[in-house]
PDB file of N, CA and C in Angstrom:
ATOM      1  N   MET A   1     110.627  93.350 112.106  1.00  0.00           N
ATOM      2  CA  MET A   1     109.894  92.242 111.529  1.00  0.00           C
ATOM      3  C   MET A   1     109.851  92.348 110.001  1.00  0.00           C
ATOM      4  N   LYS A   2     110.237  93.505 109.511  1.00  0.00           N
ATOM      5  CA  LYS A   2     110.204  93.711 108.074  1.00  0.00           C
ATOM      6  C   LYS A   2     111.038  92.662 107.360  1.00  0.00           C
ATOM      7  N   GLY A   3     110.429  91.989 106.404  1.00  0.00           N
ATOM      8  CA  GLY A   3     111.124  90.995 105.602  1.00  0.00           C
ATOM      9  C   GLY A   3     111.064  89.582 106.154  1.00  0.00           C
ATOM     10  N   LEU A   4     110.631  89.417 107.412  1.00  0.00           N
ATOM     11  CA  LEU A   4     110.511  88.069 107.978  1.00  0.00           C
ATOM     12  C   LEU A   4     109.236  87.411 107.462  1.00  0.00           C
ATOM     13  N   PRO A   5     109.223  86.088 107.357  1.00  0.00           N
ATOM     14  CA  PRO A   5     107.992  85.417 106.935  1.00  0.00           C
ATOM     15  C   PRO A   5     106.892  85.612 107.988  1.00  0.00           C
ATOM     16  N   ALA A   6     105.649  85.595 107.533  1.00  0.00           N
ATOM     17  CA  ALA A   6     104.508  85.761 108.446  1.00  0.00           C
ATOM     18  C   ALA A   6     104.449  84.626 109.468  1.00  0.00           C
ATOM     19  N   GLU A   7     104.872  83.437 109.065  1.00  0.00           N
ATOM     20  CA  GLU A   7     104.923  82.278 109.962  1.00  0.00           C
ATOM     21  C   GLU A   7     106.257  81.580 109.788  1.00  0.00           C
ATOM     22  N   TRP A   8     106.835  81.125 110.913  1.00  0.00           N
ATOM     23  CA  TRP A   8     108.079  80.359 110.860  1.00  0.00           C
ATOM     24  C   TRP A   8     108.154  79.474 112.084  1.00  0.00           C
ATOM     25  N   LEU A   9     108.883  78.357 111.927  1.00  0.00           N
ATOM     26  CA  LEU A   9     109.012  77.381 113.003  1.00  0.00           C
ATOM     27  C   LEU A   9     110.212  77.705 113.885  1.00  0.00           C
ATOM     28  N   HIS A  10     109.956  77.732 115.175  1.00  0.00           N
ATOM     29  CA  HIS A  10     111.012  77.921 116.171  1.00  0.00           C
ATOM     30  C   HIS A  10     111.407  76.544 116.692  1.00  0.00           C
ATOM     31  N   GLN A  11     112.650  76.391 117.107  1.00  0.00           N
ATOM     32  CA  GLN A  11     113.111  75.125 117.664  1.00  0.00           C
ATOM     33  C   GLN A  11     112.385  74.847 118.985  1.00  0.00           C
ATOM     34  N   LYS A  12     112.535  73.652 119.502  1.00  0.00           N
ATOM     35  CA  LYS A  12     111.921  73.278 120.775  1.00  0.00           C
ATOM     36  C   LYS A  12     112.251  74.334 121.830  1.00  0.00           C
ATOM     37  N   ASP A  13     111.229  74.746 122.589  1.00  0.00           N
ATOM     38  CA  ASP A  13     111.406  75.802 123.582  1.00  0.00           C
ATOM     39  C   ASP A  13     110.207  75.782 124.521  1.00  0.00           C
ATOM     40  N   GLU A  14     110.302  76.470 125.617  1.00  0.00           N
ATOM     41  CA  GLU A  14     109.134  76.680 126.472  1.00  0.00           C
ATOM     42  C   GLU A  14     108.272  77.758 125.832  1.00  0.00           C
ATOM     43  N   LEU A  15     106.969  77.640 126.023  1.00  0.00           N
ATOM     44  CA  LEU A  15     106.063  78.678 125.540  1.00  0.00           C
ATOM     45  C   LEU A  15     105.441  79.336 126.772  1.00  0.00           C
ATOM     46  N   TYR A  16     105.868  80.542 127.053  1.00  0.00           N
ATOM     47  CA  TYR A  16     105.313  81.260 128.195  1.00  0.00           C
ATOM     48  C   TYR A  16     103.938  81.787 127.807  1.00  0.00           C
ATOM     49  N   ASP A  17     102.939  81.465 128.612  1.00  0.00           N
ATOM     50  CA  ASP A  17     101.609  82.004 128.359  1.00  0.00           C
ATOM     51  C   ASP A  17     101.089  82.680 129.619  1.00  0.00           C
ATOM     52  N   ARG A  18      99.980  83.350 129.452  1.00  0.00           N
ATOM     53  CA  ARG A  18      99.346  84.083 130.546  1.00  0.00           C
ATOM     54  C   ARG A  18     100.297  85.129 131.160  1.00  0.00           C
ATOM     55  N   LEU A  19     101.008  85.852 130.291  1.00  0.00           N
ATOM     56  CA  LEU A  19     101.897  86.902 130.787  1.00  0.00           C
ATOM     57  C   LEU A  19     101.088  87.934 131.567  1.00  0.00           C
ATOM     58  N   ARG A  20     101.701  88.533 132.552  1.00  0.00           N
ATOM     59  CA  ARG A  20     101.007  89.503 133.404  1.00  0.00           C
ATOM     60  C   ARG A  20     101.652  90.870 133.281  1.00  0.00           C
ATOM     61  N   GLY A  21     100.904  91.838 133.670  1.00  0.00           N
ATOM     62  CA  GLY A  21     101.389  93.214 133.649  1.00  0.00           C
ATOM     63  C   GLY A  21     100.342  94.115 133.050  1.00  0.00           C
ATOM     64  N   PRO A  22     100.616  95.386 133.053  1.00  0.00           N
ATOM     65  CA  PRO A  22      99.593  96.313 132.566  1.00  0.00           C
ATOM     66  C   PRO A  22      99.381  96.249 131.056  1.00  0.00           C
ATOM     67  N   GLY A  23     100.346  95.751 130.306  1.00  0.00           N
ATOM     68  CA  GLY A  23     100.185  95.686 128.845  1.00  0.00           C
ATOM     69  C   GLY A  23     100.022  97.058 128.220  1.00  0.00           C
ATOM     70  N   GLU A  24     100.651  98.059 128.804  1.00  0.00           N
ATOM     71  CA  GLU A  24     100.564  99.422 128.279  1.00  0.00           C
ATOM     72  C   GLU A  24     101.795  99.730 127.439  1.00  0.00           C
ATOM     73  N   ASN A  25     101.600 100.601 126.461  1.00  0.00           N
ATOM     74  CA  ASN A  25     102.701 101.023 125.585  1.00  0.00           C
ATOM     75  C   ASN A  25     103.384  99.818 124.945  1.00  0.00           C
ATOM     76  N   LEU A  26     102.577  98.840 124.560  1.00  0.00           N
ATOM     77  CA  LEU A  26     103.051  97.549 124.080  1.00  0.00           C
ATOM     78  C   LEU A  26     102.629  97.340 122.631  1.00  0.00           C
ATOM     79  N   ASN A  27     103.552  96.830 121.825  1.00  0.00           N
ATOM     80  CA  ASN A  27     103.259  96.496 120.434  1.00  0.00           C
ATOM     81  C   ASN A  27     103.676  95.044 120.216  1.00  0.00           C
ATOM     82  N   VAL A  28     102.704  94.154 120.072  1.00  0.00           N
ATOM     83  CA  VAL A  28     103.002  92.736 119.858  1.00  0.00           C
ATOM     84  C   VAL A  28     103.434  92.536 118.412  1.00  0.00           C
ATOM     85  N   LEU A  29     104.612  91.931 118.235  1.00  0.00           N
ATOM     86  CA  LEU A  29     105.172  91.699 116.908  1.00  0.00           C
ATOM     87  C   LEU A  29     104.938  90.284 116.406  1.00  0.00           C
ATOM     88  N   ALA A  30     104.897  89.317 117.316  1.00  0.00           N
ATOM     89  CA  ALA A  30     104.723  87.917 116.922  1.00  0.00           C
ATOM     90  C   ALA A  30     104.059  87.151 118.054  1.00  0.00           C
ATOM     91  N   THR A  31     103.271  86.152 117.693  1.00  0.00           N
ATOM     92  CA  THR A  31     102.572  85.318 118.671  1.00  0.00           C
ATOM     93  C   THR A  31     102.801  83.849 118.354  1.00  0.00           C
ATOM     94  N   ALA A  32     102.463  82.999 119.329  1.00  0.00           N
ATOM     95  CA  ALA A  32     102.467  81.547 119.137  1.00  0.00           C
ATOM     96  C   ALA A  32     101.244  80.997 119.854  1.00  0.00           C
ATOM     97  N   TYR A  33     100.667  79.950 119.298  1.00  0.00           N
ATOM     98  CA  TYR A  33      99.485  79.340 119.905  1.00  0.00           C
ATOM     99  C   TYR A  33      99.903  78.431 121.061  1.00  0.00           C
ATOM    100  N   SER A  34      99.210  78.571 122.177  1.00  0.00           N
ATOM    101  CA  SER A  34      99.468  77.779 123.388  1.00  0.00           C
ATOM    102  C   SER A  34      98.328  76.770 123.543  1.00  0.00           C
ATOM    103  N   PRO A  35      98.522  75.511 123.093  1.00  0.00           N
ATOM    104  CA  PRO A  35      97.432  74.537 123.029  1.00  0.00           C
ATOM    105  C   PRO A  35      96.916  74.100 124.407  1.00  0.00           C
ATOM    106  N   LEU A  36      95.613  74.019 124.525  1.00  0.00           N
ATOM    107  CA  LEU A  36      94.989  73.549 125.752  1.00  0.00           C
ATOM    108  C   LEU A  36      95.445  72.140 126.110  1.00  0.00           C
ATOM    109  N   GLU A  37      95.614  71.275 125.102  1.00  0.00           N
ATOM    110  CA  GLU A  37      95.998  69.885 125.355  1.00  0.00           C
ATOM    111  C   GLU A  37      97.421  69.752 125.908  1.00  0.00           C
ATOM    112  N   GLN A  38      98.176  70.833 125.894  1.00  0.00           N
ATOM    113  CA  GLN A  38      99.503  70.837 126.512  1.00  0.00           C
ATOM    114  C   GLN A  38      99.502  71.749 127.743  1.00  0.00           C
ATOM    115  N   ARG A  39      98.354  71.860 128.363  1.00  0.00           N
ATOM    116  CA  ARG A  39      98.121  72.693 129.546  1.00  0.00           C
ATOM    117  C   ARG A  39      98.357  74.173 129.274  1.00  0.00           C
ATOM    118  N   GLY A  40      98.145  74.560 128.031  1.00  0.00           N
ATOM    119  CA  GLY A  40      98.306  75.959 127.640  1.00  0.00           C
ATOM    120  C   GLY A  40      97.031  76.754 127.828  1.00  0.00           C
ATOM    121  N   SER A  41      97.062  77.974 127.363  1.00  0.00           N
ATOM    122  CA  SER A  41      95.947  78.905 127.539  1.00  0.00           C
ATOM    123  C   SER A  41      94.854  78.749 126.486  1.00  0.00           C
ATOM    124  N   GLY A  42      95.169  78.088 125.377  1.00  0.00           N
ATOM    125  CA  GLY A  42      94.214  78.009 124.274  1.00  0.00           C
ATOM    126  C   GLY A  42      94.141  79.307 123.485  1.00  0.00           C
ATOM    127  N   ARG A  43      95.156  80.135 123.626  1.00  0.00           N
ATOM    128  CA  ARG A  43      95.174  81.441 122.945  1.00  0.00           C
ATOM    129  C   ARG A  43      96.511  81.638 122.224  1.00  0.00           C
ATOM    130  N   ASN A  44      96.500  82.590 121.322  1.00  0.00           N
ATOM    131  CA  ASN A  44      97.756  83.074 120.759  1.00  0.00           C
ATOM    132  C   ASN A  44      98.390  83.975 121.806  1.00  0.00           C
ATOM    133  N   GLU A  45      99.632  83.692 122.152  1.00  0.00           N
ATOM    134  CA  GLU A  45     100.338  84.426 123.197  1.00  0.00           C
ATOM    135  C   GLU A  45     101.472  85.247 122.590  1.00  0.00           C
ATOM    136  N   PRO A  46     101.747  86.433 123.127  1.00  0.00           N
ATOM    137  CA  PRO A  46     102.835  87.262 122.578  1.00  0.00           C
ATOM    138  C   PRO A  46     104.206  86.627 122.797  1.00  0.00           C
ATOM    139  N   MET A  47     104.995  86.585 121.756  1.00  0.00           N
ATOM    140  CA  MET A  47     106.352  86.036 121.815  1.00  0.00           C
ATOM    141  C   MET A  47     107.403  87.129 121.620  1.00  0.00           C
ATOM    142  N   LEU A  48     107.143  88.049 120.734  1.00  0.00           N
ATOM    143  CA  LEU A  48     108.041  89.175 120.463  1.00  0.00           C
ATOM    144  C   LEU A  48     107.232  90.449 120.585  1.00  0.00           C
ATOM    145  N   MET A  49     107.793  91.431 121.284  1.00  0.00           N
ATOM    146  CA  MET A  49     107.054  92.682 121.461  1.00  0.00           C
ATOM    147  C   MET A  49     108.015  93.839 121.693  1.00  0.00           C
ATOM    148  N   THR A  50     107.512  95.035 121.471  1.00  0.00           N
ATOM    149  CA  THR A  50     108.248  96.240 121.819  1.00  0.00           C
ATOM    150  C   THR A  50     107.419  97.005 122.844  1.00  0.00           C
ATOM    151  N   LEU A  51     108.119  97.748 123.683  1.00  0.00           N
ATOM    152  CA  LEU A  51     107.479  98.573 124.706  1.00  0.00           C
ATOM    153  C   LEU A  51     108.168  99.928 124.728  1.00  0.00           C
ATOM    154  N   LYS A  52     107.418 100.923 125.165  1.00  0.00           N
ATOM    155  CA  LYS A  52     107.997 102.246 125.367  1.00  0.00           C
ATOM    156  C   LYS A  52     108.103 102.472 126.859  1.00  0.00           C
ATOM    157  N   TYR A  53     109.223 103.044 127.264  1.00  0.00           N
ATOM    158  CA  TYR A  53     109.428 103.392 128.668  1.00  0.00           C
ATOM    159  C   TYR A  53     110.088 104.760 128.686  1.00  0.00           C
ATOM    160  N   GLY A  54     109.307 105.758 129.006  1.00  0.00           N
ATOM    161  CA  GLY A  54     109.816 107.124 128.916  1.00  0.00           C
ATOM    162  C   GLY A  54     110.231 107.411 127.487  1.00  0.00           C
ATOM    163  N   LYS A  55     111.472 107.840 127.317  1.00  0.00           N
ATOM    164  CA  LYS A  55     111.993 108.096 125.973  1.00  0.00           C
ATOM    165  C   LYS A  55     112.710 106.878 125.401  1.00  0.00           C
ATOM    166  N   GLY A  56     112.715 105.776 126.170  1.00  0.00           N
ATOM    167  CA  GLY A  56     113.439 104.585 125.758  1.00  0.00           C
ATOM    168  C   GLY A  56     112.623 103.627 124.913  1.00  0.00           C
ATOM    169  N   ARG A  57     113.331 102.695 124.273  1.00  0.00           N
ATOM    170  CA  ARG A  57     112.730 101.635 123.467  1.00  0.00           C
ATOM    171  C   ARG A  57     113.144 100.309 124.068  1.00  0.00           C
ATOM    172  N   ILE A  58     112.204  99.390 124.174  1.00  0.00           N
ATOM    173  CA  ILE A  58     112.479  98.063 124.717  1.00  0.00           C
ATOM    174  C   ILE A  58     112.032  97.022 123.713  1.00  0.00           C
ATOM    175  N   PHE A  59     112.900  96.047 123.442  1.00  0.00           N
ATOM    176  CA  PHE A  59     112.515  94.868 122.671  1.00  0.00           C
ATOM    177  C   PHE A  59     112.484  93.711 123.650  1.00  0.00           C
ATOM    178  N   HIS A  60     111.395  92.939 123.638  1.00  0.00           N
ATOM    179  CA  HIS A  60     111.248  91.818 124.562  1.00  0.00           C
ATOM    180  C   HIS A  60     110.940  90.545 123.784  1.00  0.00           C
ATOM    181  N   THR A  61     111.654  89.473 124.110  1.00  0.00           N
ATOM    182  CA  THR A  61     111.378  88.168 123.525  1.00  0.00           C
ATOM    183  C   THR A  61     111.142  87.164 124.643  1.00  0.00           C
ATOM    184  N   THR A  62     110.188  86.277 124.443  1.00  0.00           N
ATOM    185  CA  THR A  62     109.967  85.189 125.394  1.00  0.00           C
ATOM    186  C   THR A  62     110.633  83.908 124.899  1.00  0.00           C
ATOM    187  N   LEU A  63     111.360  83.983 123.800  1.00  0.00           N
ATOM    188  CA  LEU A  63     112.026  82.819 123.218  1.00  0.00           C
ATOM    189  C   LEU A  63     113.416  82.635 123.824  1.00  0.00           C
ATOM    190  N   GLY A  64     113.970  81.434 123.670  1.00  0.00           N
ATOM    191  CA  GLY A  64     115.363  81.187 123.995  1.00  0.00           C
ATOM    192  C   GLY A  64     115.646  80.764 125.423  1.00  0.00           C
ATOM    193  N   HIS A  65     114.888  79.814 125.953  1.00  0.00           N
ATOM    194  CA  HIS A  65     115.058  79.413 127.345  1.00  0.00           C
ATOM    195  C   HIS A  65     116.150  78.377 127.582  1.00  0.00           C
ATOM    196  N   GLU A  66     116.553  77.683 126.588  1.00  0.00           N
ATOM    197  CA  GLU A  66     117.569  76.637 126.733  1.00  0.00           C
ATOM    198  C   GLU A  66     118.639  76.836 125.659  1.00  0.00           C
ATOM    199  N   ASN A  67     119.800  76.204 125.862  1.00  0.00           N
ATOM    200  CA  ASN A  67     120.870  76.315 124.873  1.00  0.00           C
ATOM    201  C   ASN A  67     120.401  75.894 123.487  1.00  0.00           C
ATOM    202  N   TYR A  68     119.637  74.792 123.410  1.00  0.00           N
ATOM    203  CA  TYR A  68     119.195  74.310 122.101  1.00  0.00           C
ATOM    204  C   TYR A  68     118.223  75.280 121.432  1.00  0.00           C
ATOM    205  N   SER A  69     117.379  75.944 122.198  1.00  0.00           N
ATOM    206  CA  SER A  69     116.444  76.891 121.586  1.00  0.00           C
ATOM    207  C   SER A  69     117.145  78.185 121.174  1.00  0.00           C
ATOM    208  N   GLN A  70     118.269  78.495 121.813  1.00  0.00           N
ATOM    209  CA  GLN A  70     119.034  79.686 121.450  1.00  0.00           C
ATOM    210  C   GLN A  70     119.815  79.486 120.154  1.00  0.00           C
ATOM    211  N   LYS A  71     119.871  78.256 119.656  1.00  0.00           N
ATOM    212  CA  LYS A  71     120.540  77.979 118.387  1.00  0.00           C
ATOM    213  C   LYS A  71     119.621  78.196 117.192  1.00  0.00           C
ATOM    214  N   CYS A  72     118.337  78.410 117.451  1.00  0.00           N
ATOM    215  CA  CYS A  72     117.372  78.647 116.377  1.00  0.00           C
ATOM    216  C   CYS A  72     117.740  79.930 115.633  1.00  0.00           C
ATOM    217  N   ILE A  73     117.813  79.857 114.336  1.00  0.00           N
ATOM    218  CA  ILE A  73     118.173  81.030 113.543  1.00  0.00           C
ATOM    219  C   ILE A  73     117.107  82.117 113.675  1.00  0.00           C
ATOM    220  N   GLY A  74     115.859  81.720 113.868  1.00  0.00           N
ATOM    221  CA  GLY A  74     114.806  82.706 114.110  1.00  0.00           C
ATOM    222  C   GLY A  74     115.029  83.460 115.408  1.00  0.00           C
ATOM    223  N   PHE A  75     115.414  82.751 116.471  1.00  0.00           N
ATOM    224  CA  PHE A  75     115.715  83.407 117.753  1.00  0.00           C
ATOM    225  C   PHE A  75     116.905  84.345 117.606  1.00  0.00           C
ATOM    226  N   ILE A  76     117.987  83.842 117.035  1.00  0.00           N
ATOM    227  CA  ILE A  76     119.209  84.645 116.881  1.00  0.00           C
ATOM    228  C   ILE A  76     118.910  85.917 116.088  1.00  0.00           C
ATOM    229  N   THR A  77     118.233  85.760 114.973  1.00  0.00           N
ATOM    230  CA  THR A  77     117.948  86.890 114.091  1.00  0.00           C
ATOM    231  C   THR A  77     117.050  87.917 114.764  1.00  0.00           C
ATOM    232  N   THR A  78     115.958  87.460 115.386  1.00  0.00           N
ATOM    233  CA  THR A  78     115.042  88.424 116.016  1.00  0.00           C
ATOM    234  C   THR A  78     115.688  89.095 117.225  1.00  0.00           C
ATOM    235  N   LEU A  79     116.511  88.377 117.981  1.00  0.00           N
ATOM    236  CA  LEU A  79     117.203  88.992 119.117  1.00  0.00           C
ATOM    237  C   LEU A  79     118.185  90.061 118.638  1.00  0.00           C
ATOM    238  N   GLN A  80     118.975  89.746 117.621  1.00  0.00           N
ATOM    239  CA  GLN A  80     119.949  90.717 117.116  1.00  0.00           C
ATOM    240  C   GLN A  80     119.257  91.942 116.507  1.00  0.00           C
ATOM    241  N   ARG A  81     118.243  91.697 115.693  1.00  0.00           N
ATOM    242  CA  ARG A  81     117.545  92.815 115.046  1.00  0.00           C
ATOM    243  C   ARG A  81     116.762  93.640 116.066  1.00  0.00           C
ATOM    244  N   GLY A  82     116.139  92.967 117.047  1.00  0.00           N
ATOM    245  CA  GLY A  82     115.397  93.687 118.084  1.00  0.00           C
ATOM    246  C   GLY A  82     116.313  94.525 118.961  1.00  0.00           C
ATOM    247  N   THR A  83     117.482  93.984 119.281  1.00  0.00           N
ATOM    248  CA  THR A  83     118.459  94.723 120.078  1.00  0.00           C
ATOM    249  C   THR A  83     118.975  95.937 119.321  1.00  0.00           C
ATOM    250  N   GLU A  84     119.243  95.753 118.032  1.00  0.00           N
ATOM    251  CA  GLU A  84     119.699  96.878 117.215  1.00  0.00           C
ATOM    252  C   GLU A  84     118.633  97.966 117.165  1.00  0.00           C
ATOM    253  N   TRP A  85     117.376  97.580 116.969  1.00  0.00           N
ATOM    254  CA  TRP A  85     116.290  98.563 116.939  1.00  0.00           C
ATOM    255  C   TRP A  85     116.208  99.316 118.269  1.00  0.00           C
ATOM    256  N   ALA A  86     116.307  98.599 119.390  1.00  0.00           N
ATOM    257  CA  ALA A  86     116.227  99.249 120.696  1.00  0.00           C
ATOM    258  C   ALA A  86     117.385 100.229 120.892  1.00  0.00           C
ATOM    259  N   ALA A  87     118.558  99.883 120.362  1.00  0.00           N
ATOM    260  CA  ALA A  87     119.747 100.716 120.554  1.00  0.00           C
ATOM    261  C   ALA A  87     119.754 101.959 119.671  1.00  0.00           C
ATOM    262  N   ILE A  88     119.393 101.793 118.390  1.00  0.00           N
ATOM    263  CA  ILE A  88     119.557 102.926 117.461  1.00  0.00           C
ATOM    264  C   ILE A  88     118.266 103.349 116.752  1.00  0.00           C
ATOM    265  N   GLY A  89     117.181 102.605 116.969  1.00  0.00           N
ATOM    266  CA  GLY A  89     115.901 103.014 116.387  1.00  0.00           C
ATOM    267  C   GLY A  89     115.641 102.545 114.976  1.00  0.00           C
ATOM    268  N   LYS A  90     116.539 101.739 114.429  1.00  0.00           N
ATOM    269  CA  LYS A  90     116.329 101.171 113.097  1.00  0.00           C
ATOM    270  C   LYS A  90     117.053  99.845 113.017  1.00  0.00           C
ATOM    271  N   VAL A  91     116.733  99.089 111.966  1.00  0.00           N
ATOM    272  CA  VAL A  91     117.357  97.776 111.764  1.00  0.00           C
ATOM    273  C   VAL A  91     118.105  97.805 110.440  1.00  0.00           C
ATOM    274  N   THR A  92     119.400  97.474 110.509  1.00  0.00           N
ATOM    275  CA  THR A  92     120.224  97.427 109.294  1.00  0.00           C
ATOM    276  C   THR A  92     120.630  96.008 108.940  1.00  0.00           C
ATOM    277  N   GLN A  93     120.437  95.064 109.870  1.00  0.00           N
ATOM    278  CA  GLN A  93     120.875  93.682 109.649  1.00  0.00           C
ATOM    279  C   GLN A  93     119.933  92.962 108.685  1.00  0.00           C
ATOM    280  N   SER A  94     120.530  92.236 107.767  1.00  0.00           N
ATOM    281  CA  SER A  94     119.729  91.483 106.804  1.00  0.00           C
ATOM    282  C   SER A  94     119.243  90.171 107.433  1.00  0.00           C
ATOM    283  N   ILE A  95     118.296  89.558 106.761  1.00  0.00           N
ATOM    284  CA  ILE A  95     117.739  88.281 107.216  1.00  0.00           C
ATOM    285  C   ILE A  95     118.544  87.155 106.563  1.00  0.00           C
ATOM    286  N   PRO A  96     119.032  86.199 107.351  1.00  0.00           N
ATOM    287  CA  PRO A  96     119.824  85.105 106.773  1.00  0.00           C
ATOM    288  C   PRO A  96     119.016  84.288 105.759  1.00  0.00           C
ATOM    289  N   THR A  97     119.701  83.766 104.782  1.00  0.00           N
ATOM    290  CA  THR A  97     119.024  82.968 103.755  1.00  0.00           C
ATOM    291  C   THR A  97     118.463  81.667 104.328  1.00  0.00           C
ATOM    292  N   ASP A  98     119.017  81.206 105.452  1.00  0.00           N
ATOM    293  CA  ASP A  98     118.521  79.974 106.065  1.00  0.00           C
ATOM    294  C   ASP A  98     117.543  80.237 107.222  1.00  0.00           C
ATOM    295  N   PHE A  99     116.903  81.416 107.202  1.00  0.00           N
ATOM    296  CA  PHE A  99     115.892  81.721 108.217  1.00  0.00           C
ATOM    297  C   PHE A  99     114.767  80.681 108.110  1.00  0.00           C
ATOM    298  N   PRO A 100     114.206  80.249 109.246  1.00  0.00           N
ATOM    299  CA  PRO A 100     113.152  79.225 109.204  1.00  0.00           C
ATOM    300  C   PRO A 100     111.944  79.649 108.370  1.00  0.00           C
ATOM    301  N   THR A 101     111.220  78.650 107.921  1.00  0.00           N
ATOM    302  CA  THR A 101     109.980  78.882 107.182  1.00  0.00           C
ATOM    303  C   THR A 101     108.828  78.269 107.963  1.00  0.00           C
ATOM    304  N   ALA A 102     107.628  78.378 107.429  1.00  0.00           N
ATOM    305  CA  ALA A 102     106.461  77.756 108.061  1.00  0.00           C
ATOM    306  C   ALA A 102     106.551  76.233 108.001  1.00  0.00           C
ATOM    307  N   ALA A 103     107.338  75.716 107.065  1.00  0.00           N
ATOM    308  CA  ALA A 103     107.435  74.259 106.890  1.00  0.00           C
ATOM    309  C   ALA A 103     108.702  73.656 107.486  1.00  0.00           C
ATOM    310  N   LYS A 104     109.725  74.482 107.746  1.00  0.00           N
ATOM    311  CA  LYS A 104     111.011  73.926 108.175  1.00  0.00           C
ATOM    312  C   LYS A 104     111.728  74.855 109.154  1.00  0.00           C
ATOM    313  N   GLY A 105     112.144  74.304 110.297  1.00  0.00           N
ATOM    314  CA  GLY A 105     112.957  75.038 111.252  1.00  0.00           C
ATOM    315  C   GLY A 105     114.392  75.096 110.777  1.00  0.00           C
ATOM    316  N   SER A 106     115.205  75.896 111.474  1.00  0.00           N
ATOM    317  CA  SER A 106     116.590  76.047 111.088  1.00  0.00           C
ATOM    318  C   SER A 106     117.396  76.456 112.317  1.00  0.00           C
ATOM    319  N   ALA A 107     118.541  75.791 112.531  1.00  0.00           N
ATOM    320  CA  ALA A 107     119.346  76.072 113.724  1.00  0.00           C
ATOM    321  C   ALA A 107     120.823  76.042 113.392  1.00  0.00           C
ATOM    322  N   ARG A 108     121.592  76.775 114.171  1.00  0.00           N
ATOM    323  CA  ARG A 108     123.057  76.750 114.089  1.00  0.00           C
ATOM    324  C   ARG A 108     123.555  75.556 114.892  1.00  0.00           C
ATOM    325  N   GLN A 109     124.678  75.019 114.545  1.00  0.00           N
ATOM    326  CA  GLN A 109     125.244  73.888 115.280  1.00  0.00           C
ATOM    327  C   GLN A 109     126.172  74.325 116.298  1.00  0.00           C
TER     328      GLN A 109
END
């Protein structure tokens, strides 16, 4: 998450809320608000997280359910960087200059 903006817009996607499980060995990296008026939970829900499993590292994203949402530069970047972290324990990939901001989304064509 280092170097990413504190807030950024993701392309249209499903927002999974009310995730279940023990929530142990979990580090929430990013959340999104799930509005009650859209039958959501009314809470900030985890979108990006890391988990520990034995000696392993897990990066988990709830983003990217459709082809159009997988084109979001925020999704692509966080998936690539999260996968790299899980594989080698550090992130070497830079953040694209067209990464989304709080005011504007950004997607690949």
